[in-house]
Amino acid sequence: QTRGMNAAQVHRVTVRGRFADLSEQARRYLQGARDEHDLFLSAYTEEGTFTYDERVQFFNLRYEVRGAAHDAAAGERGAREAEQFLRTMGFGFKGLKVDVVDATAIWDDAQQRR
């Protein structure tokens, strides 16, 4: 099955940042849940995957965004999801950076090479 312009666009969005002003409760939670948020368990999913370093300084959120018309729209959606997640969990943050990859284009290119 080939993907064309009519197929749903799929973007992989990575939101990176640094924790800021974590409460002691939030820091203890993150330290206790570290094994559940290991980088090697991460994947691009619609609900997002949250990983962070051992020192609880930096984090990643990975999203698979479907249906966005272009990279910028996918990045905006991923950033909104990340900010909402971090605020809901009570995790202070700063320096968010968003990277977007159009996975559909990669798959289309792979199909054309066959």
Protein backbone atom coordinates (compact mmCIF):
# COMPACT_ATOMS: atom_id res chain seq x y z
CA GLN A 1 0.00 0.00 0.00
CA THR A 2 1.49 3.31 -1.00
CA ARG A 3 0.90 6.57 0.79
CA GLY A 4 0.01 9.58 -1.24
CA MET A 5 -1.17 13.12 -0.80
CA ASN A 6 -4.58 11.83 0.34
CA ALA A 7 -3.11 9.77 3.18
CA ALA A 8 -3.16 11.28 6.65
CA GLN A 9 -0.02 13.20 7.44
CA VAL A 10 1.97 11.71 10.32
CA HIS A 11 4.52 13.82 12.16
CA ARG A 12 6.87 12.82 14.94
CA VAL A 13 7.22 15.69 17.38
CA THR A 14 9.88 15.81 20.09
CA VAL A 15 9.57 18.48 22.78
CA ARG A 16 12.69 18.95 24.92
CA GLY A 17 13.14 21.14 27.93
CA ARG A 18 14.57 21.63 31.37
CA PHE A 19 12.75 21.21 34.67
CA ALA A 20 12.47 24.45 36.66
CA ASP A 21 11.42 25.21 40.22
CA LEU A 22 10.28 21.66 41.01
CA SER A 23 8.64 21.22 44.38
CA GLU A 24 10.17 18.59 46.68
CA GLN A 25 7.05 16.49 46.14
CA ALA A 26 7.40 16.65 42.34
CA ARG A 27 11.13 15.86 42.52
CA ARG A 28 10.50 12.84 44.81
CA TYR A 29 7.77 11.60 42.46
CA LEU A 30 10.06 11.90 39.42
CA GLN A 31 12.95 10.17 41.20
CA GLY A 32 10.67 7.33 42.28
CA ALA A 33 9.12 6.86 38.82
CA ARG A 34 12.38 7.10 36.88
CA ASP A 35 12.36 3.46 35.72
CA GLU A 36 8.93 3.94 34.10
CA HIS A 37 10.26 6.88 32.08
CA ASP A 38 13.49 5.43 30.75
CA LEU A 39 14.61 6.67 27.34
CA PHE A 40 14.80 3.09 26.06
CA LEU A 41 11.06 2.63 26.74
CA SER A 42 10.04 5.72 24.81
CA ALA A 43 8.09 5.78 21.57
CA TYR A 44 6.17 8.26 19.48
CA THR A 45 2.53 7.88 20.51
CA GLU A 46 -0.60 10.00 20.22
CA GLU A 47 -0.80 10.34 24.01
CA GLY A 48 2.91 11.11 24.27
CA THR A 49 5.87 9.46 25.98
CA PHE A 50 7.65 11.26 28.82
CA THR A 51 11.32 10.57 29.60
CA TYR A 52 13.92 12.39 31.67
CA ASP A 53 17.51 12.12 32.81
CA GLU A 54 18.70 10.50 36.06
CA ARG A 55 19.47 13.85 37.67
CA VAL A 56 15.92 15.12 36.95
CA GLN A 57 17.17 18.14 35.05
CA PHE A 58 16.12 17.58 31.41
CA PHE A 59 13.12 15.90 29.81
CA ASN A 60 11.71 14.75 26.46
CA LEU A 61 8.12 14.33 25.37
CA ARG A 62 7.49 12.42 22.13
CA TYR A 63 4.23 12.66 20.21
CA GLU A 64 2.88 11.19 17.02
CA VAL A 65 0.70 13.91 15.53
CA ARG A 66 -1.73 12.83 12.81
CA GLY A 67 -3.60 15.06 10.40
CA ALA A 68 -1.58 18.26 10.77
CA ALA A 69 -1.33 20.05 7.43
CA HIS A 70 2.36 20.91 7.82
CA ASP A 71 5.36 20.70 10.15
CA ALA A 72 4.63 23.98 11.95
CA ALA A 73 1.06 22.93 12.81
CA ALA A 74 2.29 19.57 14.11
CA GLY A 75 4.94 21.31 16.21
CA GLU A 76 2.40 23.71 17.69
CA ARG A 77 0.10 20.82 18.60
CA GLY A 78 2.96 18.88 20.21
CA ALA A 79 4.09 21.93 22.18
CA ARG A 80 0.54 22.54 23.45
CA GLU A 81 0.21 18.90 24.53
CA ALA A 82 3.58 19.02 26.30
CA GLU A 83 2.79 22.25 28.15
CA GLN A 84 -0.61 20.92 29.21
CA PHE A 85 0.94 17.67 30.48
CA LEU A 86 3.70 19.43 32.41
CA ARG A 87 1.27 21.90 34.01
CA THR A 88 -1.22 19.17 34.89
CA MET A 89 1.53 17.16 36.59
CA GLY A 90 2.82 20.26 38.40
CA PHE A 91 6.26 20.12 36.78
CA GLY A 92 7.85 23.52 36.30
CA PHE A 93 9.75 23.87 33.03
CA LYS A 94 11.74 26.23 30.83
CA GLY A 95 13.50 26.33 27.48
CA LEU A 96 11.11 24.19 25.45
CA LYS A 97 12.46 23.24 22.03
CA VAL A 98 10.36 21.47 19.42
CA ASP A 99 11.67 19.22 16.63
CA VAL A 100 9.34 17.88 13.94
CA VAL A 101 9.89 15.10 11.42
CA ASP A 102 7.37 14.40 8.68
CA ALA A 103 7.21 10.61 8.98
CA THR A 104 4.87 10.38 5.99
CA ALA A 105 7.59 11.81 3.73
CA ILE A 106 10.09 9.26 5.03
CA TRP A 107 7.67 6.40 4.39
CA ASP A 108 6.84 7.76 0.92
CA ASP A 109 10.55 7.95 0.09
CA ALA A 110 11.10 4.38 1.31
CA GLN A 111 8.19 3.16 -0.85
CA GLN A 112 9.60 4.90 -3.93
CA ARG A 113 13.00 3.23 -3.43
CA ARG A 114 11.51 -0.29 -3.56
